[in-house]
Amino acid sequence: MNEAASTPTGRPVPNGAVQDDAVRDGAVRGGAAQDGPGDQEAAEGAPQHSPALEVRGLTKRFGDTVAVAGLDLCMARGSVLALLGPNGAGKTTTVEIYEGFQRPDGGTVRVLGMDPAAQGERLRPRIGVMPQGGGAYPGVRAAEMLRLIASCAADPIDPDWLLDTLGLAAAGRTPYKRLSGGQQQRLSLACALVGRPELVFLDEPTAGLDPQARRLVWDLVAALRRDGVGVLLTTHLMDEAEALADRVVIVDHGRAVADGTAAELTADPQGRQELWFRSETALDLTCCWRRCRRTTRPPRSAPGSTWCAAASTRRWSPP
């Protein structure tokens, strides 16, 4: 490797600092030489202050199965929105509709002011997509895959810089099928970012990553947000949503069942801090009592009983 590397802005970055400094400085989109999202939209005649994503009454069925059932969602430009929910809640189907890979059965969808089903050709150059399954050719080398995606963009980020930033420089000649799960995830993320998108869809971006790689992805998302890029990510991890997202939407059975900041969703309306649980067998609460430093020793519970630990009152009591 050369003695110094450079970000797309041309600023030299010492070796060993590329992954940290370049990402945290917001160099992912390539610096101030780029026209902002508002400039591009003004040229195309689109509203400059419209939401990045607006969905009303979205429905999608697969036979008798309702995957999305009347979902409403709005996402501001330059913000980070996290979609949480159990497997089968409809998160991936919803995101695929936003990306234009699925057609909705009902409702309206607008991404950057456009209908992804009818205006996909205009929309695709302005978004980045990191699918859950990766989607690369098994035999393609990592660097070849990224350069292929970059060749489809009008003004791509330097693929070599992006590979180095994501810790994939040494794996550039490795076939995709021989990359580790974490390396495949990082390559998929690089493909989503190389075209300098205005809006990025990340489907479980840290799944299978080790803690160091996971932190790098978090830094990249933060850098994108600072550069005014909108990010919609799906995740099962509440700590990830809390660390990255401006808003969190919890989806279940194709509907949004909760919407707000992470602090709002985890706060009790009355300011109480309570833990509710049901025991299938008799449960000795002594360990919990010691851990929480309760003033009154809890009794041994009966099978099937429900208990509430109230931090504000320092009591253990059945409801």
Protein backbone atom coordinates (compact mmCIF):
# COMPACT_ATOMS: atom_id res chain seq x y z
CA MET A 1 0.00 0.00 0.00
CA ASN A 2 1.19 3.54 -0.65
CA GLU A 3 2.40 5.67 2.25
CA ALA A 4 -0.73 7.79 2.13
CA ALA A 5 -4.24 7.30 0.88
CA SER A 6 -6.76 9.91 -0.23
CA THR A 7 -10.45 10.44 0.21
CA PRO A 8 -12.52 11.26 -2.88
CA THR A 9 -12.13 14.93 -1.97
CA GLY A 10 -8.38 14.61 -2.57
CA ARG A 11 -7.45 15.08 1.11
CA PRO A 12 -4.56 12.76 2.05
CA VAL A 13 -5.26 10.35 4.87
CA PRO A 14 -2.41 8.48 6.61
CA ASN A 15 -2.44 4.71 6.49
CA GLY A 16 -4.34 3.19 9.37
CA ALA A 17 -6.64 6.21 9.58
CA VAL A 18 -8.57 5.66 6.35
CA GLN A 19 -11.29 3.58 7.93
CA ASP A 20 -11.83 5.97 10.84
CA ASP A 21 -11.01 9.54 9.84
CA ALA A 22 -12.26 9.44 6.25
CA VAL A 23 -15.58 7.94 7.28
CA ARG A 24 -16.12 10.22 10.27
CA ASP A 25 -15.24 13.28 8.19
CA GLY A 26 -18.23 12.51 5.97
CA ALA A 27 -16.15 11.73 2.87
CA VAL A 28 -18.43 8.90 1.76
CA ARG A 29 -20.20 11.01 -0.84
CA GLY A 30 -17.03 12.64 -2.10
CA GLY A 31 -17.10 16.15 -0.69
CA ALA A 32 -18.47 19.55 -1.52
CA ALA A 33 -17.85 19.30 -5.25
CA GLN A 34 -21.07 17.30 -5.52
CA ASP A 35 -24.39 18.99 -6.17
CA GLY A 36 -26.69 18.50 -3.22
CA PRO A 37 -30.00 16.68 -3.47
CA GLY A 38 -31.82 20.01 -3.66
CA ASP A 39 -29.73 21.15 -6.66
CA GLN A 40 -30.45 17.98 -8.59
CA GLU A 41 -34.16 18.13 -7.83
CA ALA A 42 -34.35 21.77 -8.81
CA ALA A 43 -32.87 20.86 -12.17
CA GLU A 44 -35.49 18.14 -12.59
CA GLY A 45 -38.35 20.33 -11.41
CA ALA A 46 -39.14 18.18 -8.35
CA PRO A 47 -40.13 19.78 -5.02
CA GLN A 48 -37.03 20.52 -2.98
CA HIS A 49 -38.67 20.09 0.42
CA SER A 50 -40.82 17.03 -0.21
CA PRO A 51 -40.23 13.99 2.03
CA ALA A 52 -37.61 11.47 1.00
CA LEU A 53 -40.21 8.76 1.45
CA GLU A 54 -43.99 9.02 1.74
CA VAL A 55 -46.34 6.02 1.90
CA ARG A 56 -50.10 5.99 2.40
CA GLY A 57 -52.27 2.88 2.81
CA LEU A 58 -49.67 0.49 1.37
CA THR A 59 -50.89 -3.07 0.89
CA LYS A 60 -49.25 -6.16 -0.59
CA ARG A 61 -50.59 -9.72 -0.77
CA PHE A 62 -49.03 -13.02 -1.79
CA GLY A 63 -52.00 -15.27 -2.46
CA ASP A 64 -54.02 -15.41 0.74
CA THR A 65 -51.16 -14.01 2.81
CA VAL A 66 -51.23 -10.29 3.60
CA ALA A 67 -47.61 -9.14 3.83
CA VAL A 68 -48.32 -5.40 4.16
CA ALA A 69 -51.68 -4.23 5.50
CA GLY A 70 -52.33 -0.52 5.08
CA LEU A 71 -48.93 0.84 6.11
CA ASP A 72 -48.47 4.63 6.47
CA LEU A 73 -44.98 6.06 6.66
CA CYS A 74 -43.19 9.38 6.10
CA MET A 75 -39.44 9.97 6.20
CA ALA A 76 -37.72 13.36 6.09
CA ARG A 77 -34.77 13.98 3.78
CA GLY A 78 -31.34 13.49 5.28
CA SER A 79 -32.71 11.51 8.24
CA VAL A 80 -32.16 7.95 9.41
CA LEU A 81 -35.26 5.78 9.86
CA ALA A 82 -35.10 2.29 11.40
CA LEU A 83 -37.73 -0.36 10.69
CA LEU A 84 -37.94 -2.93 13.47
CA GLY A 85 -40.10 -6.00 13.72
CA PRO A 86 -40.07 -9.78 14.02
CA ASN A 87 -39.38 -12.10 11.09
CA GLY A 88 -42.38 -12.15 8.79
CA ALA A 89 -43.58 -8.70 9.89
CA GLY A 90 -43.37 -7.34 6.32
CA LYS A 91 -40.20 -5.25 6.61
CA THR A 92 -38.32 -6.66 3.61
CA THR A 93 -41.42 -6.68 1.39
CA THR A 94 -42.07 -3.05 2.30
CA VAL A 95 -38.50 -2.03 1.49
CA GLU A 96 -38.58 -3.93 -1.83
CA ILE A 97 -41.67 -1.92 -2.81
CA TYR A 98 -39.81 1.31 -2.02
CA GLU A 99 -36.89 0.13 -4.17
CA GLY A 100 -39.16 -0.75 -7.09
CA PHE A 101 -38.56 -4.51 -6.94
CA GLN A 102 -42.16 -5.24 -5.95
CA ARG A 103 -45.40 -3.63 -7.10
CA PRO A 104 -47.91 -2.71 -4.41
CA ASP A 105 -51.48 -4.01 -4.54
CA GLY A 106 -52.83 -0.80 -3.07
CA GLY A 107 -51.90 2.57 -1.62
CA THR A 108 -49.51 5.26 -2.81
CA VAL A 109 -45.71 5.24 -2.63
CA ARG A 110 -43.42 8.19 -3.35
CA VAL A 111 -39.64 7.93 -3.10
CA LEU A 112 -37.81 11.22 -3.70
CA GLY A 113 -41.09 12.46 -5.15
CA MET A 114 -41.39 9.60 -7.66
CA ASP A 115 -43.44 6.43 -7.97
CA PRO A 116 -40.87 3.59 -7.87
CA ALA A 117 -43.12 1.27 -9.89
CA ALA A 118 -43.81 3.75 -12.71
CA GLN A 119 -40.65 5.89 -12.61
CA GLY A 120 -38.04 3.34 -11.63
CA GLU A 121 -35.66 4.28 -14.45
CA ARG A 122 -35.41 7.86 -13.14
CA LEU A 123 -35.33 6.81 -9.49
CA ARG A 124 -32.69 4.08 -9.55
CA PRO A 125 -29.67 6.35 -10.23
CA ARG A 126 -30.55 8.34 -7.08
CA ILE A 127 -30.86 5.51 -4.56
CA GLY A 128 -28.55 2.87 -3.13
CA VAL A 129 -29.71 -0.61 -2.21
CA MET A 130 -28.16 -3.16 0.14
CA PRO A 131 -30.37 -6.26 -0.09
CA GLN A 132 -30.55 -8.83 2.65
CA GLY A 133 -29.21 -11.64 0.50
CA GLY A 134 -26.19 -9.85 -1.01
CA GLY A 135 -27.08 -10.46 -4.65
CA ALA A 136 -23.56 -10.71 -6.10
CA TYR A 137 -22.43 -13.30 -8.68
CA PRO A 138 -20.76 -16.23 -6.82
CA GLY A 139 -17.67 -16.29 -9.04
CA VAL A 140 -17.05 -12.55 -9.40
CA ARG A 141 -14.11 -11.01 -7.56
CA ALA A 142 -14.92 -8.39 -4.95
CA ALA A 143 -13.16 -5.52 -6.74
CA GLU A 144 -14.66 -6.50 -10.10
CA MET A 145 -18.15 -6.48 -8.64
CA LEU A 146 -17.74 -3.03 -7.13
CA ARG A 147 -16.19 -1.59 -10.32
CA LEU A 148 -19.07 -3.03 -12.35
CA ILE A 149 -21.60 -1.24 -10.14
CA ALA A 150 -19.50 1.94 -10.23
CA SER A 151 -19.46 1.88 -14.05
CA CYS A 152 -23.27 2.26 -14.02
CA ALA A 153 -23.10 5.53 -12.02
CA ALA A 154 -22.60 8.97 -13.52
CA ASP A 155 -20.08 10.10 -10.87
CA PRO A 156 -19.11 7.16 -8.66
CA ILE A 157 -16.92 7.13 -5.60
CA ASP A 158 -13.44 5.71 -6.29
CA PRO A 159 -13.97 1.92 -5.86
CA ASP A 160 -10.44 1.38 -4.54
CA TRP A 161 -10.94 4.02 -1.85
CA LEU A 162 -14.25 2.45 -0.84
CA LEU A 163 -12.74 -1.05 -0.68
CA ASP A 164 -9.96 0.28 1.53
CA THR A 165 -12.39 2.21 3.74
CA LEU A 166 -14.49 -0.90 4.31
CA GLY A 167 -11.46 -3.11 4.97
CA LEU A 168 -11.79 -5.08 1.72
CA ALA A 169 -8.61 -3.99 -0.08
CA ALA A 170 -6.84 -7.28 0.66
CA ALA A 171 -9.86 -9.26 -0.56
CA GLY A 172 -10.24 -7.40 -3.85
CA ARG A 173 -9.22 -10.43 -5.96
CA THR A 174 -11.15 -12.97 -3.87
CA PRO A 175 -14.25 -14.52 -5.48
CA TYR A 176 -17.48 -13.54 -3.80
CA LYS A 177 -18.32 -17.11 -2.80
CA ARG A 178 -15.04 -17.35 -0.88
CA LEU A 179 -15.52 -14.16 1.12
CA SER A 180 -16.56 -14.50 4.73
CA GLY A 181 -20.11 -13.57 5.67
CA GLY A 182 -18.92 -10.26 7.09
CA GLN A 183 -16.89 -9.46 3.97
CA GLN A 184 -19.92 -10.20 1.77
CA GLN A 185 -21.99 -7.80 3.88
CA ARG A 186 -19.37 -5.05 3.55
CA LEU A 187 -19.12 -5.56 -0.22
CA SER A 188 -22.90 -5.29 -0.49
CA LEU A 189 -22.74 -2.05 1.49
CA ALA A 190 -19.99 -0.72 -0.80
CA CYS A 191 -22.16 -1.46 -3.85
CA ALA A 192 -25.00 0.51 -2.26
CA LEU A 193 -22.78 3.55 -1.63
CA VAL A 194 -20.53 3.70 -4.70
CA GLY A 195 -23.02 5.67 -6.83
CA ARG A 196 -23.31 8.59 -4.34
CA PRO A 197 -27.02 8.03 -3.62
CA GLU A 198 -29.43 10.54 -2.07
CA LEU A 199 -31.31 7.79 -0.27
CA VAL A 200 -29.94 4.42 0.86
CA PHE A 201 -31.89 1.29 1.78
CA LEU A 202 -29.97 -1.04 4.11
CA ASP A 203 -31.62 -4.37 4.89
CA GLU A 204 -30.06 -5.65 8.14
CA PRO A 205 -26.64 -4.12 7.31
CA THR A 206 -24.78 -5.49 10.34
CA ALA A 207 -26.10 -9.07 10.25
CA GLY A 208 -23.18 -11.47 10.64
CA LEU A 209 -20.59 -8.76 11.28
CA ASP A 210 -18.03 -8.83 14.08
CA PRO A 211 -18.08 -5.91 16.58
CA GLN A 212 -15.32 -3.96 14.77
CA ALA A 213 -17.03 -4.22 11.37
CA ARG A 214 -20.36 -3.39 12.96
CA ARG A 215 -18.89 -0.19 14.42
CA LEU A 216 -17.50 0.73 11.00
CA VAL A 217 -20.96 0.39 9.45
CA TRP A 218 -22.36 2.59 12.21
CA ASP A 219 -19.71 5.22 11.42
CA LEU A 220 -20.61 5.06 7.72
CA VAL A 221 -24.31 5.58 8.44
CA ALA A 222 -23.46 8.56 10.66
CA ALA A 223 -21.25 9.99 7.88
CA LEU A 224 -24.06 9.58 5.34
CA ARG A 225 -26.45 11.40 7.64
CA ARG A 226 -23.98 14.29 8.06
CA ASP A 227 -23.72 14.53 4.27
CA GLY A 228 -27.50 14.85 3.95
CA VAL A 229 -28.10 11.32 2.66
CA GLY A 230 -31.30 9.67 3.87
CA VAL A 231 -30.95 6.14 5.26
CA LEU A 232 -33.72 3.60 5.80
CA LEU A 233 -32.46 0.51 7.57
CA THR A 234 -34.11 -2.63 8.84
CA THR A 235 -32.75 -4.27 11.94
CA HIS A 236 -33.64 -6.58 14.82
CA LEU A 237 -31.29 -4.73 17.19
CA MET A 238 -32.80 -2.04 19.38
CA ASP A 239 -29.37 -0.76 20.42
CA GLU A 240 -28.51 -0.26 16.74
CA ALA A 241 -31.73 1.64 16.12
CA GLU A 242 -31.14 3.73 19.23
CA ALA A 243 -27.57 4.57 18.17
CA LEU A 244 -28.30 5.42 14.53
CA ALA A 245 -31.93 6.36 13.92
CA ASP A 246 -33.72 9.67 14.24
CA ARG A 247 -37.00 7.74 14.22
CA VAL A 248 -37.94 4.13 14.84
CA VAL A 249 -40.99 2.44 13.33
CA ILE A 250 -41.98 -0.97 14.68
CA VAL A 251 -43.84 -3.11 12.14
CA ASP A 252 -45.89 -6.22 12.91
CA HIS A 253 -48.25 -8.12 10.59
CA GLY A 254 -47.68 -5.50 7.91
CA ARG A 255 -48.75 -2.54 10.04
CA ALA A 256 -46.87 0.17 11.93
CA VAL A 257 -47.66 -0.50 15.58
CA ALA A 258 -45.30 2.12 17.08
CA ASP A 259 -43.57 5.22 15.73
CA GLY A 260 -41.24 7.67 17.46
CA THR A 261 -37.71 8.22 18.70
CA ALA A 262 -35.99 5.40 20.56
CA ALA A 263 -36.34 7.38 23.80
CA GLU A 264 -40.06 7.89 23.25
CA LEU A 265 -40.68 4.22 22.51
CA THR A 266 -38.80 2.99 25.57
CA ALA A 267 -40.27 5.52 28.03
CA ASP A 268 -43.30 4.81 30.19
CA PRO A 269 -46.10 7.41 29.81
CA GLN A 270 -46.27 7.83 33.61
CA GLY A 271 -42.49 7.94 34.01
CA ARG A 272 -42.38 4.52 35.69
CA GLN A 273 -39.72 1.89 35.08
CA GLU A 274 -41.31 -1.54 35.17
CA LEU A 275 -40.43 -5.06 34.10
CA TRP A 276 -43.32 -7.49 33.51
CA PHE A 277 -42.81 -11.22 33.18
CA ARG A 278 -44.73 -14.50 33.53
CA SER A 279 -43.17 -17.65 34.92
CA GLU A 280 -44.25 -21.03 33.58
CA THR A 281 -42.85 -22.76 36.67
CA ALA A 282 -42.21 -21.62 40.22
CA LEU A 283 -39.58 -18.87 40.18
CA ASP A 284 -37.25 -17.81 42.98
CA LEU A 285 -36.94 -14.03 42.68
CA THR A 286 -34.07 -13.73 45.14
CA CYS A 287 -31.44 -13.13 42.44
CA CYS A 288 -33.52 -10.37 40.83
CA TRP A 289 -34.12 -8.87 44.26
CA ARG A 290 -30.39 -8.76 45.01
CA ARG A 291 -29.55 -7.38 41.59
CA CYS A 292 -32.11 -4.59 41.84
CA ARG A 293 -31.37 -3.94 45.54
CA ARG A 294 -35.00 -4.07 46.58
CA THR A 295 -35.99 -3.03 50.09
CA THR A 296 -38.41 -5.93 50.54
CA ARG A 297 -37.47 -9.55 49.89
CA PRO A 298 -39.79 -11.00 47.20
CA PRO A 299 -41.64 -14.24 47.85
CA ARG A 300 -41.29 -17.39 45.80
CA SER A 301 -43.73 -17.17 42.88
CA ALA A 302 -46.41 -19.71 42.05
CA PRO A 303 -46.36 -21.43 38.62
CA GLY A 304 -47.97 -19.30 35.92
CA SER A 305 -48.06 -16.12 37.99
CA THR A 306 -47.31 -12.70 36.52
CA TRP A 307 -45.05 -10.30 38.38
CA CYS A 308 -44.15 -6.65 38.03
CA ALA A 309 -40.87 -5.10 39.19
CA ALA A 310 -41.49 -1.39 39.76
CA ALA A 311 -38.27 0.57 40.09
CA SER A 312 -40.00 3.75 41.17
CA THR A 313 -41.70 2.12 44.17
CA ARG A 314 -39.04 -0.53 44.87
CA ARG A 315 -41.68 -3.24 45.27
CA TRP A 316 -42.32 -6.69 43.87
CA SER A 317 -45.99 -7.34 43.56
CA PRO A 318 -48.47 -9.29 41.45
CA PRO A 319 -50.66 -7.03 39.25
